[in-house]
Amino acid sequence: LEIARALATEPKLLLLDEPTAGMNPQETDGLRQFI
């Protein structure tokens, strides 16, 4: 959701500060593919 809010601003450059912090391996793998 935080990434969605950032995308809503229509960026050219997206800065992600530790996007997988606190995630389990399955969530981490899913977010990596999403990026």
PDB file of all heavy atoms in Angstrom:
ATOM      1  N   LEU A   1       0.829  -1.197   0.000  1.00  0.00           N
ATOM      2  CA  LEU A   1       0.000   0.000   0.000  1.00  0.00           C
ATOM      3  C   LEU A   1       0.869   1.254   0.000  1.00  0.00           C
ATOM      4  O   LEU A   1       0.542   2.240  -0.675  1.00  0.00           O
ATOM      5  CB  LEU A   1      -0.937   0.001   1.209  1.00  0.00           C
ATOM      6  CG  LEU A   1      -1.854   1.217   1.337  1.00  0.00           C
ATOM      7  CD1 LEU A   1      -2.725   1.393   0.090  1.00  0.00           C
ATOM      8  CD2 LEU A   1      -2.729   1.095   2.588  1.00  0.00           C
ATOM      9  N   GLU A   2       1.973   1.222   0.741  1.00  0.00           N
ATOM     10  CA  GLU A   2       2.843   2.390   0.748  1.00  0.00           C
ATOM     11  C   GLU A   2       3.445   2.615  -0.648  1.00  0.00           C
ATOM     12  O   GLU A   2       3.575   3.751  -1.100  1.00  0.00           O
ATOM     13  CB  GLU A   2       3.943   2.224   1.786  1.00  0.00           C
ATOM     14  CG  GLU A   2       4.674   3.530   2.052  1.00  0.00           C
ATOM     15  CD  GLU A   2       5.682   3.438   3.169  1.00  0.00           C
ATOM     16  OE1 GLU A   2       6.346   2.389   3.280  1.00  0.00           O
ATOM     17  OE2 GLU A   2       5.821   4.421   3.916  1.00  0.00           O
ATOM     18  N   ILE A   3       3.786   1.538  -1.329  1.00  0.00           N
ATOM     19  CA  ILE A   3       4.272   1.666  -2.705  1.00  0.00           C
ATOM     20  C   ILE A   3       3.163   2.193  -3.611  1.00  0.00           C
ATOM     21  O   ILE A   3       3.392   3.040  -4.482  1.00  0.00           O
ATOM     22  CB  ILE A   3       4.811   0.318  -3.218  1.00  0.00           C
ATOM     23  CG1 ILE A   3       6.059  -0.094  -2.429  1.00  0.00           C
ATOM     24  CG2 ILE A   3       5.144   0.398  -4.714  1.00  0.00           C
ATOM     25  CD1 ILE A   3       6.582  -1.475  -2.761  1.00  0.00           C
ATOM     26  N   ALA A   4       1.933   1.709  -3.390  1.00  0.00           N
ATOM     27  CA  ALA A   4       0.798   2.189  -4.188  1.00  0.00           C
ATOM     28  C   ALA A   4       0.603   3.691  -4.026  1.00  0.00           C
ATOM     29  O   ALA A   4       0.349   4.408  -5.001  1.00  0.00           O
ATOM     30  CB  ALA A   4      -0.476   1.442  -3.778  1.00  0.00           C
ATOM     31  N   ARG A   5       0.707   4.168  -2.799  1.00  0.00           N
ATOM     32  CA  ARG A   5       0.571   5.612  -2.560  1.00  0.00           C
ATOM     33  C   ARG A   5       1.663   6.389  -3.283  1.00  0.00           C
ATOM     34  O   ARG A   5       1.416   7.452  -3.854  1.00  0.00           O
ATOM     35  CB  ARG A   5       0.610   5.903  -1.058  1.00  0.00           C
ATOM     36  CG  ARG A   5       0.339   7.368  -0.706  1.00  0.00           C
ATOM     37  CD  ARG A   5       0.360   7.585   0.785  1.00  0.00           C
ATOM     38  NE  ARG A   5       1.660   7.241   1.365  1.00  0.00           N
ATOM     39  CZ  ARG A   5       1.891   7.160   2.672  1.00  0.00           C
ATOM     40  NH1 ARG A   5       0.899   7.369   3.534  1.00  0.00           N
ATOM     41  NH2 ARG A   5       3.090   6.862   3.122  1.00  0.00           N
ATOM     42  N   ALA A   6       2.890   5.852  -3.267  1.00  0.00           N
ATOM     43  CA  ALA A   6       3.986   6.506  -3.992  1.00  0.00           C
ATOM     44  C   ALA A   6       3.728   6.505  -5.494  1.00  0.00           C
ATOM     45  O   ALA A   6       3.974   7.500  -6.183  1.00  0.00           O
ATOM     46  CB  ALA A   6       5.302   5.811  -3.671  1.00  0.00           C
ATOM     47  N   LEU A   7       3.208   5.400  -6.021  1.00  0.00           N
ATOM     48  CA  LEU A   7       2.914   5.315  -7.456  1.00  0.00           C
ATOM     49  C   LEU A   7       1.813   6.291  -7.869  1.00  0.00           C
ATOM     50  O   LEU A   7       1.773   6.749  -9.010  1.00  0.00           O
ATOM     51  CB  LEU A   7       2.505   3.891  -7.822  1.00  0.00           C
ATOM     52  CG  LEU A   7       3.584   2.811  -7.710  1.00  0.00           C
ATOM     53  CD1 LEU A   7       2.991   1.438  -8.020  1.00  0.00           C
ATOM     54  CD2 LEU A   7       4.759   3.105  -8.628  1.00  0.00           C
ATOM     55  N   ALA A   8       0.923   6.607  -6.931  1.00  0.00           N
ATOM     56  CA  ALA A   8      -0.188   7.509  -7.233  1.00  0.00           C
ATOM     57  C   ALA A   8       0.284   8.921  -7.567  1.00  0.00           C
ATOM     58  O   ALA A   8      -0.447   9.691  -8.196  1.00  0.00           O
ATOM     59  CB  ALA A   8      -1.173   7.553  -6.062  1.00  0.00           C
ATOM     60  N   THR A   9       1.498   9.272  -7.167  1.00  0.00           N
ATOM     61  CA  THR A   9       2.019  10.600  -7.481  1.00  0.00           C
ATOM     62  C   THR A   9       2.529  10.696  -8.917  1.00  0.00           C
ATOM     63  O   THR A   9       2.983  11.761  -9.336  1.00  0.00           O
ATOM     64  CB  THR A   9       3.170  10.975  -6.527  1.00  0.00           C
ATOM     65  OG1 THR A   9       4.313  10.149  -6.789  1.00  0.00           O
ATOM     66  CG2 THR A   9       2.751  10.812  -5.064  1.00  0.00           C
ATOM     67  N   GLU A  10       2.506   9.575  -9.654  1.00  0.00           N
ATOM     68  CA  GLU A  10       3.005   9.499 -11.025  1.00  0.00           C
ATOM     69  C   GLU A  10       4.492   9.833 -11.097  1.00  0.00           C
ATOM     70  O   GLU A  10       4.925  10.738 -11.820  1.00  0.00           O
ATOM     71  CB  GLU A  10       2.216  10.418 -11.954  1.00  0.00           C
ATOM     72  CG  GLU A  10       0.740  10.057 -12.058  1.00  0.00           C
ATOM     73  CD  GLU A  10      -0.006  10.970 -13.021  1.00  0.00           C
ATOM     74  OE1 GLU A  10       0.649  11.736 -13.760  1.00  0.00           O
ATOM     75  OE2 GLU A  10      -1.249  10.910 -13.016  1.00  0.00           O
ATOM     76  N   PRO A  11       5.324   9.084 -10.375  1.00  0.00           N
ATOM     77  CA  PRO A  11       6.760   9.393 -10.364  1.00  0.00           C
ATOM     78  C   PRO A  11       7.474   8.911 -11.622  1.00  0.00           C
ATOM     79  O   PRO A  11       7.011   8.015 -12.316  1.00  0.00           O
ATOM     80  CB  PRO A  11       7.262   8.620  -9.139  1.00  0.00           C
ATOM     81  CG  PRO A  11       6.359   7.412  -9.093  1.00  0.00           C
ATOM     82  CD  PRO A  11       5.004   7.924  -9.525  1.00  0.00           C
ATOM     83  N   LYS A  12       8.604   9.535 -11.873  1.00  0.00           N
ATOM     84  CA  LYS A  12       9.563   9.016 -12.845  1.00  0.00           C
ATOM     85  C   LYS A  12      10.608   8.173 -12.119  1.00  0.00           C
ATOM     86  O   LYS A  12      11.138   7.209 -12.678  1.00  0.00           O
ATOM     87  CB  LYS A  12      10.265  10.164 -13.575  1.00  0.00           C
ATOM     88  CG  LYS A  12       9.347  11.091 -14.348  1.00  0.00           C
ATOM     89  CD  LYS A  12      10.152  12.256 -14.923  1.00  0.00           C
ATOM     90  CE  LYS A  12       9.253  13.278 -15.595  1.00  0.00           C
ATOM     91  NZ  LYS A  12      10.036  14.458 -16.067  1.00  0.00           N
ATOM     92  N   LEU A  13      10.921   8.586 -10.882  1.00  0.00           N
ATOM     93  CA  LEU A  13      11.907   7.911 -10.053  1.00  0.00           C
ATOM     94  C   LEU A  13      11.246   7.492  -8.746  1.00  0.00           C
ATOM     95  O   LEU A  13      10.680   8.323  -8.044  1.00  0.00           O
ATOM     96  CB  LEU A  13      13.086   8.838  -9.760  1.00  0.00           C
ATOM     97  CG  LEU A  13      14.142   8.335  -8.768  1.00  0.00           C
ATOM     98  CD1 LEU A  13      14.868   7.110  -9.323  1.00  0.00           C
ATOM     99  CD2 LEU A  13      15.147   9.451  -8.445  1.00  0.00           C
ATOM    100  N   LEU A  14      11.334   6.205  -8.435  1.00  0.00           N
ATOM    101  CA  LEU A  14      10.745   5.667  -7.209  1.00  0.00           C
ATOM    102  C   LEU A  14      11.872   5.269  -6.262  1.00  0.00           C
ATOM    103  O   LEU A  14      12.737   4.463  -6.615  1.00  0.00           O
ATOM    104  CB  LEU A  14       9.878   4.456  -7.542  1.00  0.00           C
ATOM    105  CG  LEU A  14       9.181   3.754  -6.371  1.00  0.00           C
ATOM    106  CD1 LEU A  14       8.213   4.694  -5.667  1.00  0.00           C
ATOM    107  CD2 LEU A  14       8.440   2.510  -6.867  1.00  0.00           C
ATOM    108  N   LEU A  15      11.862   5.844  -5.060  1.00  0.00           N
ATOM    109  CA  LEU A  15      12.851   5.538  -4.037  1.00  0.00           C
ATOM    110  C   LEU A  15      12.221   4.599  -3.010  1.00  0.00           C
ATOM    111  O   LEU A  15      11.213   4.944  -2.392  1.00  0.00           O
ATOM    112  CB  LEU A  15      13.320   6.813  -3.331  1.00  0.00           C
ATOM    113  CG  LEU A  15      13.805   7.968  -4.212  1.00  0.00           C
ATOM    114  CD1 LEU A  15      14.232   9.144  -3.337  1.00  0.00           C
ATOM    115  CD2 LEU A  15      14.952   7.538  -5.116  1.00  0.00           C
ATOM    116  N   LEU A  16      12.803   3.426  -2.839  1.00  0.00           N
ATOM    117  CA  LEU A  16      12.276   2.426  -1.910  1.00  0.00           C
ATOM    118  C   LEU A  16      13.283   2.234  -0.782  1.00  0.00           C
ATOM    119  O   LEU A  16      14.410   1.810  -1.011  1.00  0.00           O
ATOM    120  CB  LEU A  16      12.037   1.096  -2.629  1.00  0.00           C
ATOM    121  CG  LEU A  16      11.076   1.124  -3.822  1.00  0.00           C
ATOM    122  CD1 LEU A  16      10.998  -0.265  -4.477  1.00  0.00           C
ATOM    123  CD2 LEU A  16       9.692   1.587  -3.391  1.00  0.00           C
ATOM    124  N   ASP A  17      12.860   2.554   0.437  1.00  0.00           N
ATOM    125  CA  ASP A  17      13.736   2.448   1.601  1.00  0.00           C
ATOM    126  C   ASP A  17      13.448   1.140   2.331  1.00  0.00           C
ATOM    127  O   ASP A  17      12.465   1.019   3.053  1.00  0.00           O
ATOM    128  CB  ASP A  17      13.515   3.648   2.528  1.00  0.00           C
ATOM    129  CG  ASP A  17      14.628   3.801   3.568  1.00  0.00           C
ATOM    130  OD1 ASP A  17      15.379   2.828   3.775  1.00  0.00           O
ATOM    131  OD2 ASP A  17      14.734   4.876   4.165  1.00  0.00           O
ATOM    132  N   GLU A  18      14.302   0.149   2.110  1.00  0.00           N
ATOM    133  CA  GLU A  18      14.187  -1.184   2.699  1.00  0.00           C
ATOM    134  C   GLU A  18      12.781  -1.780   2.515  1.00  0.00           C
ATOM    135  O   GLU A  18      12.078  -2.064   3.474  1.00  0.00           O
ATOM    136  CB  GLU A  18      14.563  -1.149   4.178  1.00  0.00           C
ATOM    137  CG  GLU A  18      16.009  -0.756   4.406  1.00  0.00           C
ATOM    138  CD  GLU A  18      16.508  -1.109   5.797  1.00  0.00           C
ATOM    139  OE1 GLU A  18      16.089  -2.144   6.331  1.00  0.00           O
ATOM    140  OE2 GLU A  18      17.308  -0.332   6.324  1.00  0.00           O
ATOM    141  N   PRO A  19      12.370  -1.967   1.264  1.00  0.00           N
ATOM    142  CA  PRO A  19      11.006  -2.437   0.995  1.00  0.00           C
ATOM    143  C   PRO A  19      10.697  -3.830   1.532  1.00  0.00           C
ATOM    144  O   PRO A  19       9.536  -4.148   1.766  1.00  0.00           O
ATOM    145  CB  PRO A  19      10.915  -2.404  -0.536  1.00  0.00           C
ATOM    146  CG  PRO A  19      12.340  -2.512  -0.995  1.00  0.00           C
ATOM    147  CD  PRO A  19      13.134  -1.760   0.029  1.00  0.00           C
ATOM    148  N   THR A  20      11.711  -4.680   1.731  1.00  0.00           N
ATOM    149  CA  THR A  20      11.436  -6.040   2.216  1.00  0.00           C
ATOM    150  C   THR A  20      11.687  -6.195   3.718  1.00  0.00           C
ATOM    151  O   THR A  20      11.622  -7.307   4.239  1.00  0.00           O
ATOM    152  CB  THR A  20      12.289  -7.085   1.462  1.00  0.00           C
ATOM    153  OG1 THR A  20      13.662  -6.932   1.829  1.00  0.00           O
ATOM    154  CG2 THR A  20      12.128  -6.947  -0.032  1.00  0.00           C
ATOM    155  N   ALA A  21      11.970  -5.104   4.411  1.00  0.00           N
ATOM    156  CA  ALA A  21      12.255  -5.185   5.850  1.00  0.00           C
ATOM    157  C   ALA A  21      11.070  -5.798   6.595  1.00  0.00           C
ATOM    158  O   ALA A  21       9.923  -5.383   6.416  1.00  0.00           O
ATOM    159  CB  ALA A  21      12.554  -3.798   6.407  1.00  0.00           C
ATOM    160  N   GLY A  22      11.345  -6.793   7.417  1.00  0.00           N
ATOM    161  CA  GLY A  22      10.308  -7.420   8.230  1.00  0.00           C
ATOM    162  C   GLY A  22       9.470  -8.455   7.513  1.00  0.00           C
ATOM    163  O   GLY A  22       8.559  -9.028   8.093  1.00  0.00           O
ATOM    164  N   MET A  23       9.779  -8.715   6.243  1.00  0.00           N
ATOM    165  CA  MET A  23       8.991  -9.678   5.482  1.00  0.00           C
ATOM    166  C   MET A  23       9.558 -11.088   5.630  1.00  0.00           C
ATOM    167  O   MET A  23      10.762 -11.271   5.821  1.00  0.00           O
ATOM    168  CB  MET A  23       8.968  -9.299   3.994  1.00  0.00           C
ATOM    169  CG  MET A  23       8.148  -8.079   3.668  1.00  0.00           C
ATOM    170  SD  MET A  23       8.008  -7.858   1.870  1.00  0.00           S
ATOM    171  CE  MET A  23       6.824  -6.516   1.818  1.00  0.00           C
ATOM    172  N   ASN A  24       8.676 -12.074   5.515  1.00  0.00           N
ATOM    173  CA  ASN A  24       9.133 -13.457   5.485  1.00  0.00           C
ATOM    174  C   ASN A  24       9.630 -13.773   4.075  1.00  0.00           C
ATOM    175  O   ASN A  24       9.436 -12.983   3.136  1.00  0.00           O
ATOM    176  CB  ASN A  24       8.019 -14.413   5.929  1.00  0.00           C
ATOM    177  CG  ASN A  24       6.792 -14.364   5.022  1.00  0.00           C
ATOM    178  OD1 ASN A  24       6.911 -14.313   3.796  1.00  0.00           O
ATOM    179  ND2 ASN A  24       5.606 -14.387   5.607  1.00  0.00           N
ATOM    180  N   PRO A  25      10.311 -14.921   3.888  1.00  0.00           N
ATOM    181  CA  PRO A  25      10.885 -15.227   2.565  1.00  0.00           C
ATOM    182  C   PRO A  25       9.873 -15.219   1.429  1.00  0.00           C
ATOM    183  O   PRO A  25      10.178 -14.767   0.318  1.00  0.00           O
ATOM    184  CB  PRO A  25      11.489 -16.621   2.768  1.00  0.00           C
ATOM    185  CG  PRO A  25      11.823 -16.668   4.222  1.00  0.00           C
ATOM    186  CD  PRO A  25      10.720 -15.906   4.909  1.00  0.00           C
ATOM    187  N   GLN A  26       8.662 -15.699   1.675  1.00  0.00           N
ATOM    188  CA  GLN A  26       7.657 -15.727   0.615  1.00  0.00           C
ATOM    189  C   GLN A  26       7.241 -14.311   0.236  1.00  0.00           C
ATOM    190  O   GLN A  26       7.119 -13.979  -0.951  1.00  0.00           O
ATOM    191  CB  GLN A  26       6.433 -16.534   1.072  1.00  0.00           C
ATOM    192  CG  GLN A  26       5.366 -16.673  -0.008  1.00  0.00           C
ATOM    193  CD  GLN A  26       4.194 -17.527   0.436  1.00  0.00           C
ATOM    194  OE1 GLN A  26       4.148 -18.007   1.572  1.00  0.00           O
ATOM    195  NE2 GLN A  26       3.237 -17.726  -0.435  1.00  0.00           N
ATOM    196  N   GLU A  27       7.032 -13.447   1.240  1.00  0.00           N
ATOM    197  CA  GLU A  27       6.661 -12.058   0.964  1.00  0.00           C
ATOM    198  C   GLU A  27       7.799 -11.334   0.241  1.00  0.00           C
ATOM    199  O   GLU A  27       7.560 -10.540  -0.684  1.00  0.00           O
ATOM    200  CB  GLU A  27       6.330 -11.338   2.265  1.00  0.00           C
ATOM    201  CG  GLU A  27       5.032 -11.792   2.920  1.00  0.00           C
ATOM    202  CD  GLU A  27       4.844 -11.205   4.309  1.00  0.00           C
ATOM    203  OE1 GLU A  27       5.863 -10.928   4.985  1.00  0.00           O
ATOM    204  OE2 GLU A  27       3.694 -11.028   4.735  1.00  0.00           O
ATOM    205  N   THR A  28       9.034 -11.610   0.666  1.00  0.00           N
ATOM    206  CA  THR A  28      10.192 -10.986   0.039  1.00  0.00           C
ATOM    207  C   THR A  28      10.287 -11.361  -1.436  1.00  0.00           C
ATOM    208  O   THR A  28      10.512 -10.510  -2.301  1.00  0.00           O
ATOM    209  CB  THR A  28      11.482 -11.404   0.766  1.00  0.00           C
ATOM    210  OG1 THR A  28      11.442 -10.908   2.113  1.00  0.00           O
ATOM    211  CG2 THR A  28      12.716 -10.852   0.067  1.00  0.00           C
ATOM    212  N   ASP A  29      10.102 -12.642  -1.738  1.00  0.00           N
ATOM    213  CA  ASP A  29      10.166 -13.102  -3.118  1.00  0.00           C
ATOM    214  C   ASP A  29       9.073 -12.447  -3.954  1.00  0.00           C
ATOM    215  O   ASP A  29       9.307 -12.026  -5.094  1.00  0.00           O
ATOM    216  CB  ASP A  29      10.042 -14.622  -3.163  1.00  0.00           C
ATOM    217  CG  ASP A  29      10.277 -15.177  -4.560  1.00  0.00           C
ATOM    218  OD1 ASP A  29      11.386 -14.985  -5.100  1.00  0.00           O
ATOM    219  OD2 ASP A  29       9.349 -15.780  -5.121  1.00  0.00           O
ATOM    220  N   GLY A  30       7.858 -12.341  -3.379  1.00  0.00           N
ATOM    221  CA  GLY A  30       6.760 -11.716  -4.100  1.00  0.00           C
ATOM    222  C   GLY A  30       7.021 -10.248  -4.374  1.00  0.00           C
ATOM    223  O   GLY A  30       6.731  -9.743  -5.475  1.00  0.00           O
ATOM    224  N   LEU A  31       7.597  -9.538  -3.405  1.00  0.00           N
ATOM    225  CA  LEU A  31       7.864  -8.113  -3.599  1.00  0.00           C
ATOM    226  C   LEU A  31       8.991  -7.895  -4.599  1.00  0.00           C
ATOM    227  O   LEU A  31       8.946  -6.962  -5.403  1.00  0.00           O
ATOM    228  CB  LEU A  31       8.216  -7.439  -2.272  1.00  0.00           C
ATOM    229  CG  LEU A  31       8.301  -5.914  -2.342  1.00  0.00           C
ATOM    230  CD1 LEU A  31       6.959  -5.311  -2.761  1.00  0.00           C
ATOM    231  CD2 LEU A  31       8.749  -5.319  -1.017  1.00  0.00           C
ATOM    232  N   ARG A  32       9.979  -8.772  -4.592  1.00  0.00           N
ATOM    233  CA  ARG A  32      11.065  -8.662  -5.566  1.00  0.00           C
ATOM    234  C   ARG A  32      10.507  -8.773  -6.985  1.00  0.00           C
ATOM    235  O   ARG A  32      10.869  -7.993  -7.877  1.00  0.00           O
ATOM    236  CB  ARG A  32      12.111  -9.739  -5.300  1.00  0.00           C
ATOM    237  CG  ARG A  32      13.306  -9.667  -6.246  1.00  0.00           C
ATOM    238  CD  ARG A  32      14.425 -10.598  -5.819  1.00  0.00           C
ATOM    239  NE  ARG A  32      13.976 -11.975  -5.743  1.00  0.00           N
ATOM    240  CZ  ARG A  32      14.110 -12.733  -4.659  1.00  0.00           C
ATOM    241  NH1 ARG A  32      14.648 -12.241  -3.562  1.00  0.00           N
ATOM    242  NH2 ARG A  32      13.703 -13.988  -4.670  1.00  0.00           N
ATOM    243  N   GLN A  33       9.635  -9.726  -7.206  1.00  0.00           N
ATOM    244  CA  GLN A  33       9.019  -9.877  -8.523  1.00  0.00           C
ATOM    245  C   GLN A  33       8.155  -8.666  -8.870  1.00  0.00           C
ATOM    246  O   GLN A  33       8.109  -8.227 -10.022  1.00  0.00           O
ATOM    247  CB  GLN A  33       8.189 -11.159  -8.554  1.00  0.00           C
ATOM    248  CG  GLN A  33       9.016 -12.430  -8.424  1.00  0.00           C
ATOM    249  CD  GLN A  33       8.146 -13.670  -8.417  1.00  0.00           C
ATOM    250  OE1 GLN A  33       7.147 -13.746  -9.110  1.00  0.00           O
ATOM    251  NE2 GLN A  33       8.533 -14.656  -7.616  1.00  0.00           N
ATOM    252  N   PHE A  34       7.483  -8.122  -7.840  1.00  0.00           N
ATOM    253  CA  PHE A  34       6.631  -6.964  -8.058  1.00  0.00           C
ATOM    254  C   PHE A  34       7.453  -5.745  -8.478  1.00  0.00           C
ATOM    255  O   PHE A  34       7.044  -4.980  -9.358  1.00  0.00           O
ATOM    256  CB  PHE A  34       5.842  -6.654  -6.788  1.00  0.00           C
ATOM    257  CG  PHE A  34       5.053  -5.376  -6.851  1.00  0.00           C
ATOM    258  CD1 PHE A  34       3.959  -5.273  -7.678  1.00  0.00           C
ATOM    259  CD2 PHE A  34       5.430  -4.273  -6.096  1.00  0.00           C
ATOM    260  CE1 PHE A  34       3.231  -4.092  -7.756  1.00  0.00           C
ATOM    261  CE2 PHE A  34       4.715  -3.092  -6.158  1.00  0.00           C
ATOM    262  CZ  PHE A  34       3.614  -3.005  -6.992  1.00  0.00           C
ATOM    263  N   ILE A  35       8.623  -5.553  -7.876  1.00  0.00           N
ATOM    264  CA  ILE A  35       9.475  -4.420  -8.242  1.00  0.00           C
ATOM    265  C   ILE A  35       9.910  -4.529  -9.699  1.00  0.00           C
ATOM    266  O   ILE A  35       9.919  -3.538 -10.443  1.00  0.00           O
ATOM    267  CB  ILE A  35      10.687  -4.331  -7.296  1.00  0.00           C
ATOM    268  CG1 ILE A  35      10.223  -3.941  -5.887  1.00  0.00           C
ATOM    269  CG2 ILE A  35      11.700  -3.299  -7.805  1.00  0.00           C
ATOM    270  CD1 ILE A  35      11.302  -4.030  -4.830  1.00  0.00           C
TER     271      ILE A  35
END
